[in-house]
Amino acid sequence: MRNVIPAMGALQAFEATARLGSFSRAAEELSLTHSAIYRQVSGLEGRLGVQLFKRVRRRIVLTDAGKEYAARVRHHLEQLEKDTLGLISRAGIGHNLHLAVLPTLANIWLLPRLPEFYKVHPDISISLSVRTLPFQFADHPYDAAIYHSTRPWPQTKGIRLFSEQALLPVCSPIILKDKEHVSDLPSLQRLPHLHIMSRPDAWSAWYREQGIDYPPELNAGPRYDLFSMSISAAIAGMGVALVPLFLAQRELNSKQLVVPWPGKLTVQESYYFGYPENREPSVALRSFEDWLLGITTKE
């Protein structure tokens, strides 16, 4: 049965060519020559007895069979890469850690602090990948995750980093026309409201906490995937955003943003660091967990 499986080099050459649409670009990515990639792909077509590419003018285009096969090959190559990275990380080779993180939290909170970790642990390498939704560790190559939740994920252990506490409105002082804040909530309602896709009900909950009705027309405001996008849009004067204080603190200190109204939205969620409970943590993982616990305790 295994004699049917093409050589790994041929599959990699085909997948790269299919993804990049060019033998030359695939050759550059794989550090091979154009002719080597062409021979690998031609050999694969001959072995399979199936045409994977066709020429349209001076371009190569996947056939229908090629499209289907490329998607399947890509899936298996990605899974093989994940399995390999997971094995390396769990074995502690080179003291590498691969973490799933929330993008805005990573950029604003974690990355500025990582140099302090490297001063103490220069032999440990931290790789970060963005994940905004919950996932199963068994299906991904991550050693641990920093995530946002009301409680620790099932079948994990770790630590609670800190509470998000509250969301508050922020905007550029430009749109307040030289005022420090709006005089009343109707004035705030006249400003465009910026929304976060992962928290679609945040503004309505904020108005409810202020004890007033939420005008449905405010739902027409722009929507963003990330808090960092919402903060940038607010700085650019595009409207008022609802964000955690710690994510916008730098911009508030520099007066790029102001709080136009003192009301806040209390939230129950916290940020957690977690890893599978059925997997023995490596020395590197323990060291990183201890460091996180130390800095969150101090802050």
Protein backbone atom coordinates (compact mmCIF):
# COMPACT_ATOMS: atom_id res chain seq x y z
CA MET A 1 0.00 0.00 0.00
CA ARG A 2 2.78 2.45 0.89
CA ASN A 3 4.31 2.00 -2.55
CA VAL A 4 1.35 4.02 -3.84
CA ILE A 5 2.34 7.10 -1.81
CA PRO A 6 4.48 9.53 -3.84
CA ALA A 7 7.82 10.77 -2.52
CA MET A 8 7.67 13.60 0.01
CA GLY A 9 9.80 15.84 -2.22
CA ALA A 10 7.34 15.49 -5.09
CA LEU A 11 4.39 16.28 -2.85
CA GLN A 12 6.12 19.36 -1.42
CA ALA A 13 7.04 20.58 -4.91
CA PHE A 14 3.48 20.09 -6.13
CA GLU A 15 1.88 21.78 -3.09
CA ALA A 16 4.20 24.80 -3.30
CA THR A 17 3.61 25.17 -7.05
CA ALA A 18 -0.15 24.87 -6.60
CA ARG A 19 -0.18 27.42 -3.78
CA LEU A 20 2.17 29.93 -5.43
CA GLY A 21 1.06 29.38 -9.04
CA SER A 22 4.60 29.22 -10.35
CA PHE A 23 7.46 26.72 -10.68
CA SER A 24 9.94 29.55 -10.13
CA ARG A 25 8.32 30.80 -6.92
CA ALA A 26 8.02 27.25 -5.62
CA ALA A 27 11.70 26.70 -6.39
CA GLU A 28 12.62 29.85 -4.47
CA GLU A 29 10.55 28.80 -1.44
CA LEU A 30 12.00 25.27 -1.36
CA SER A 31 15.57 26.39 -2.21
CA LEU A 32 15.62 24.27 -5.38
CA THR A 33 16.05 25.05 -9.07
CA HIS A 34 13.19 25.68 -11.48
CA SER A 35 14.06 22.52 -13.41
CA ALA A 36 14.12 20.41 -10.22
CA ILE A 37 10.60 21.54 -9.29
CA TYR A 38 9.37 20.95 -12.84
CA ARG A 39 10.82 17.42 -12.86
CA GLN A 40 9.24 16.64 -9.48
CA VAL A 41 5.79 17.81 -10.59
CA SER A 42 6.01 16.13 -14.00
CA GLY A 43 7.15 12.93 -12.34
CA LEU A 44 4.23 13.12 -9.92
CA GLU A 45 1.76 13.53 -12.79
CA GLY A 46 3.33 10.54 -14.55
CA ARG A 47 3.19 8.40 -11.40
CA LEU A 48 -0.46 9.28 -10.75
CA GLY A 49 -1.51 9.16 -14.39
CA VAL A 50 -3.44 12.38 -13.79
CA GLN A 51 -2.87 15.86 -15.23
CA LEU A 52 -2.54 18.26 -12.29
CA PHE A 53 -1.71 21.47 -14.20
CA LYS A 54 -2.63 22.90 -17.56
CA ARG A 55 -1.08 25.85 -19.36
CA VAL A 56 -3.20 28.93 -20.03
CA ARG A 57 -1.20 31.29 -22.20
CA ARG A 58 2.08 31.61 -20.26
CA ARG A 59 0.66 30.60 -16.89
CA ILE A 60 0.11 27.26 -15.24
CA VAL A 61 -3.34 26.59 -13.79
CA LEU A 62 -4.54 23.70 -11.66
CA THR A 63 -6.97 21.27 -13.23
CA ASP A 64 -10.04 20.30 -11.24
CA ALA A 65 -8.29 17.12 -10.15
CA GLY A 66 -5.21 19.17 -9.28
CA LYS A 67 -7.21 21.57 -7.10
CA GLU A 68 -8.74 18.73 -5.11
CA TYR A 69 -5.43 16.90 -4.71
CA ALA A 70 -3.57 20.11 -3.74
CA ALA A 71 -6.05 20.80 -0.94
CA ARG A 72 -5.67 17.28 0.41
CA VAL A 73 -1.87 17.29 0.16
CA ARG A 74 -1.70 20.70 1.86
CA HIS A 75 -3.86 19.46 4.73
CA HIS A 76 -1.67 16.41 5.31
CA LEU A 77 1.60 18.36 5.05
CA GLU A 78 0.30 20.93 7.55
CA GLN A 79 -0.77 18.16 9.92
CA LEU A 80 2.62 16.49 9.58
CA GLU A 81 4.32 19.80 10.39
CA LYS A 82 2.08 20.27 13.45
CA ASP A 83 2.76 16.74 14.66
CA THR A 84 6.51 17.23 14.24
CA LEU A 85 6.54 20.58 16.03
CA GLY A 86 4.44 19.13 18.81
CA LEU A 87 6.83 16.20 19.26
CA ILE A 88 9.85 18.51 19.31
CA SER A 89 8.23 20.86 21.83
CA ARG A 90 7.09 18.06 24.13
CA ALA A 91 10.52 16.49 24.03
CA GLY A 92 12.02 19.81 25.09
CA ILE A 93 14.52 19.79 22.23
CA GLY A 94 16.25 23.14 22.15
CA HIS A 95 13.90 24.39 24.88
CA ASN A 96 11.35 25.62 22.35
CA LEU A 97 7.82 26.65 23.31
CA HIS A 98 4.99 27.22 20.85
CA LEU A 99 2.15 29.31 22.30
CA ALA A 100 -1.28 30.16 20.95
CA VAL A 101 -2.08 33.77 21.84
CA LEU A 102 -4.67 36.48 21.40
CA PRO A 103 -3.17 38.94 18.89
CA THR A 104 -3.82 42.26 20.64
CA LEU A 105 -2.81 40.88 24.04
CA ALA A 106 0.39 39.50 22.50
CA ASN A 107 1.32 42.78 20.78
CA ILE A 108 0.45 45.16 23.59
CA TRP A 109 1.06 43.12 26.75
CA LEU A 110 3.21 40.03 26.16
CA LEU A 111 5.80 40.97 23.54
CA PRO A 112 7.01 44.13 25.31
CA ARG A 113 7.70 41.97 28.41
CA LEU A 114 9.38 39.02 26.70
CA PRO A 115 12.88 40.58 26.64
CA GLU A 116 12.84 40.36 30.45
CA PHE A 117 12.10 36.63 30.18
CA TYR A 118 14.99 36.14 27.75
CA LYS A 119 17.38 37.85 30.16
CA VAL A 120 16.66 35.12 32.69
CA HIS A 121 16.17 32.24 30.21
CA PRO A 122 18.27 32.96 27.09
CA ASP A 123 18.18 29.25 26.13
CA ILE A 124 14.38 29.13 25.75
CA SER A 125 12.79 30.16 22.46
CA ILE A 126 9.15 31.32 22.43
CA SER A 127 7.15 31.05 19.21
CA LEU A 128 3.72 32.69 19.00
CA SER A 129 0.73 31.87 16.79
CA VAL A 130 -2.56 33.75 16.71
CA ARG A 131 -5.70 31.97 17.89
CA THR A 132 -8.84 33.96 18.67
CA LEU A 133 -11.21 31.02 19.28
CA PRO A 134 -11.07 28.05 21.68
CA PHE A 135 -9.45 24.87 20.34
CA GLN A 136 -8.44 21.35 21.34
CA PHE A 137 -4.74 20.93 22.12
CA ALA A 138 -4.86 17.42 20.64
CA ASP A 139 -5.61 18.94 17.21
CA HIS A 140 -2.86 21.58 17.27
CA PRO A 141 0.91 21.73 17.87
CA TYR A 142 0.77 24.26 20.72
CA ASP A 143 2.41 23.63 24.08
CA ALA A 144 0.19 26.19 25.83
CA ALA A 145 -2.20 29.06 25.20
CA ILE A 146 -3.00 32.49 26.59
CA TYR A 147 -6.73 32.94 26.24
CA HIS A 148 -9.74 34.95 27.42
CA SER A 149 -12.48 33.17 29.32
CA THR A 150 -14.69 33.12 32.40
CA ARG A 151 -12.90 29.98 33.67
CA PRO A 152 -10.01 27.66 32.74
CA TRP A 153 -10.57 25.48 29.69
CA PRO A 154 -11.63 21.86 30.38
CA GLN A 155 -8.80 19.28 30.58
CA THR A 156 -6.19 21.99 31.12
CA LYS A 157 -4.13 23.28 33.99
CA GLY A 158 -2.25 26.53 34.40
CA ILE A 159 -2.77 29.92 35.99
CA ARG A 160 -5.11 32.89 35.86
CA LEU A 161 -3.06 35.88 34.71
CA PHE A 162 -5.36 38.81 35.48
CA SER A 163 -8.95 39.98 35.25
CA GLU A 164 -10.05 42.13 32.35
CA GLN A 165 -12.18 44.08 34.87
CA ALA A 166 -14.00 46.49 32.55
CA LEU A 167 -14.40 47.97 29.09
CA LEU A 168 -14.56 51.72 28.72
CA PRO A 169 -15.24 54.05 25.79
CA VAL A 170 -12.27 55.78 24.16
CA CYS A 171 -11.96 58.13 21.22
CA SER A 172 -9.64 60.69 19.69
CA PRO A 173 -9.89 64.20 21.21
CA ILE A 174 -10.19 65.42 17.63
CA ILE A 175 -13.80 64.30 17.30
CA LEU A 176 -14.73 65.97 20.61
CA LYS A 177 -13.84 69.36 19.10
CA ASP A 178 -11.36 70.43 21.79
CA LYS A 179 -13.56 69.20 24.66
CA GLU A 180 -12.29 66.75 27.25
CA HIS A 181 -15.50 64.73 27.21
CA VAL A 182 -19.08 64.82 25.97
CA SER A 183 -21.59 66.72 28.07
CA ASP A 184 -24.29 64.03 28.02
CA LEU A 185 -25.02 60.58 26.64
CA PRO A 186 -27.04 61.88 23.65
CA SER A 187 -23.84 63.67 22.60
CA LEU A 188 -21.96 60.36 22.84
CA GLN A 189 -24.66 58.65 20.80
CA ARG A 190 -24.01 61.04 17.94
CA LEU A 191 -20.48 59.67 17.59
CA PRO A 192 -19.94 56.59 15.37
CA HIS A 193 -19.66 53.49 17.55
CA LEU A 194 -16.91 50.99 16.70
CA HIS A 195 -17.64 47.30 17.33
CA ILE A 196 -15.59 44.15 17.98
CA MET A 197 -16.83 41.06 16.14
CA SER A 198 -15.99 38.70 19.00
CA ARG A 199 -18.10 40.83 21.38
CA PRO A 200 -21.10 41.89 19.30
CA ASP A 201 -23.24 42.79 22.33
CA ALA A 202 -20.65 44.85 24.21
CA TRP A 203 -22.11 48.27 23.37
CA SER A 204 -25.68 47.26 24.17
CA ALA A 205 -24.46 45.83 27.50
CA TRP A 206 -22.54 49.06 28.19
CA TYR A 207 -25.67 51.18 27.66
CA ARG A 208 -27.67 48.81 29.81
CA GLU A 209 -25.13 49.21 32.63
CA GLN A 210 -25.53 53.00 32.33
CA GLY A 211 -29.27 52.51 32.83
CA ILE A 212 -30.42 53.82 29.44
CA ASP A 213 -31.79 52.32 26.25
CA TYR A 214 -29.42 51.32 23.46
CA PRO A 215 -30.37 53.02 20.17
CA PRO A 216 -30.40 50.22 17.55
CA GLU A 217 -29.03 52.54 14.86
CA LEU A 218 -25.67 52.46 16.67
CA ASN A 219 -25.26 48.89 15.39
CA ALA A 220 -24.48 50.38 11.98
CA GLY A 221 -20.95 51.30 13.06
CA PRO A 222 -17.85 49.56 11.65
CA ARG A 223 -16.83 46.13 12.96
CA TYR A 224 -13.31 44.87 13.56
CA ASP A 225 -11.77 41.50 14.38
CA LEU A 226 -9.24 42.86 16.88
CA PHE A 227 -9.11 45.40 19.68
CA SER A 228 -5.91 46.74 18.14
CA MET A 229 -7.86 47.62 14.98
CA SER A 230 -10.57 49.28 17.02
CA ILE A 231 -7.98 51.32 18.95
CA SER A 232 -6.26 52.41 15.72
CA ALA A 233 -9.62 53.42 14.23
CA ALA A 234 -10.43 55.44 17.33
CA ILE A 235 -7.05 57.22 17.18
CA ALA A 236 -7.76 58.06 13.53
CA GLY A 237 -10.98 59.81 14.60
CA MET A 238 -13.32 57.23 13.08
CA GLY A 239 -15.49 56.88 16.18
CA VAL A 240 -15.64 55.76 19.80
CA ALA A 241 -14.39 52.29 20.73
CA LEU A 242 -15.15 50.13 23.75
CA VAL A 243 -11.92 48.50 24.95
CA PRO A 244 -10.20 47.09 28.07
CA LEU A 245 -8.34 49.84 29.91
CA PHE A 246 -4.97 48.05 29.95
CA LEU A 247 -4.96 47.72 26.14
CA ALA A 248 -5.45 51.46 25.61
CA GLN A 249 -3.44 52.76 28.57
CA ARG A 250 -0.44 53.84 26.49
CA GLU A 251 -2.61 55.85 24.09
CA LEU A 252 -4.54 57.41 26.99
CA ASN A 253 -1.28 58.46 28.67
CA SER A 254 -0.05 60.06 25.45
CA LYS A 255 -3.41 61.82 24.91
CA GLN A 256 -3.94 60.09 21.57
CA LEU A 257 -7.13 58.82 23.15
CA VAL A 258 -9.44 60.18 25.81
CA VAL A 259 -12.37 58.74 27.75
CA PRO A 260 -15.39 60.75 26.55
CA TRP A 261 -17.74 59.38 29.22
CA PRO A 262 -16.83 57.83 32.60
CA GLY A 263 -19.26 54.91 32.43
CA LYS A 264 -17.75 51.44 32.10
CA LEU A 265 -18.90 47.91 31.33
CA THR A 266 -17.97 45.42 34.03
CA VAL A 267 -16.87 42.06 32.63
CA GLN A 268 -16.37 38.69 34.31
CA GLU A 269 -13.74 37.26 31.98
CA SER A 270 -10.04 36.95 32.76
CA TYR A 271 -6.89 36.06 30.83
CA TYR A 272 -5.49 32.57 31.47
CA PHE A 273 -2.34 30.64 30.68
CA GLY A 274 -3.16 26.97 30.17
CA TYR A 275 -1.77 23.69 28.83
CA PRO A 276 -3.06 20.08 28.59
CA GLU A 277 -3.45 18.36 31.92
CA ASN A 278 -2.57 14.96 30.41
CA ARG A 279 0.82 16.16 29.16
CA GLU A 280 3.83 16.46 31.46
CA PRO A 281 5.05 20.07 31.20
CA SER A 282 8.63 20.55 30.06
CA VAL A 283 11.20 22.47 32.05
CA ALA A 284 10.81 25.34 29.57
CA LEU A 285 7.04 25.41 30.04
CA ARG A 286 7.38 25.42 33.82
CA SER A 287 9.92 28.25 33.62
CA PHE A 288 7.62 30.33 31.44
CA GLU A 289 4.63 29.70 33.72
CA ASP A 290 6.66 30.75 36.78
CA TRP A 291 7.78 33.90 34.99
CA LEU A 292 4.20 34.80 33.99
CA LEU A 293 3.05 34.25 37.56
CA GLY A 294 5.84 36.49 38.82
CA ILE A 295 5.09 39.45 36.55
CA THR A 296 1.31 39.29 37.01
CA THR A 297 1.74 39.15 40.77
CA LYS A 298 3.92 42.27 40.70
CA GLU A 299 1.57 44.16 38.37
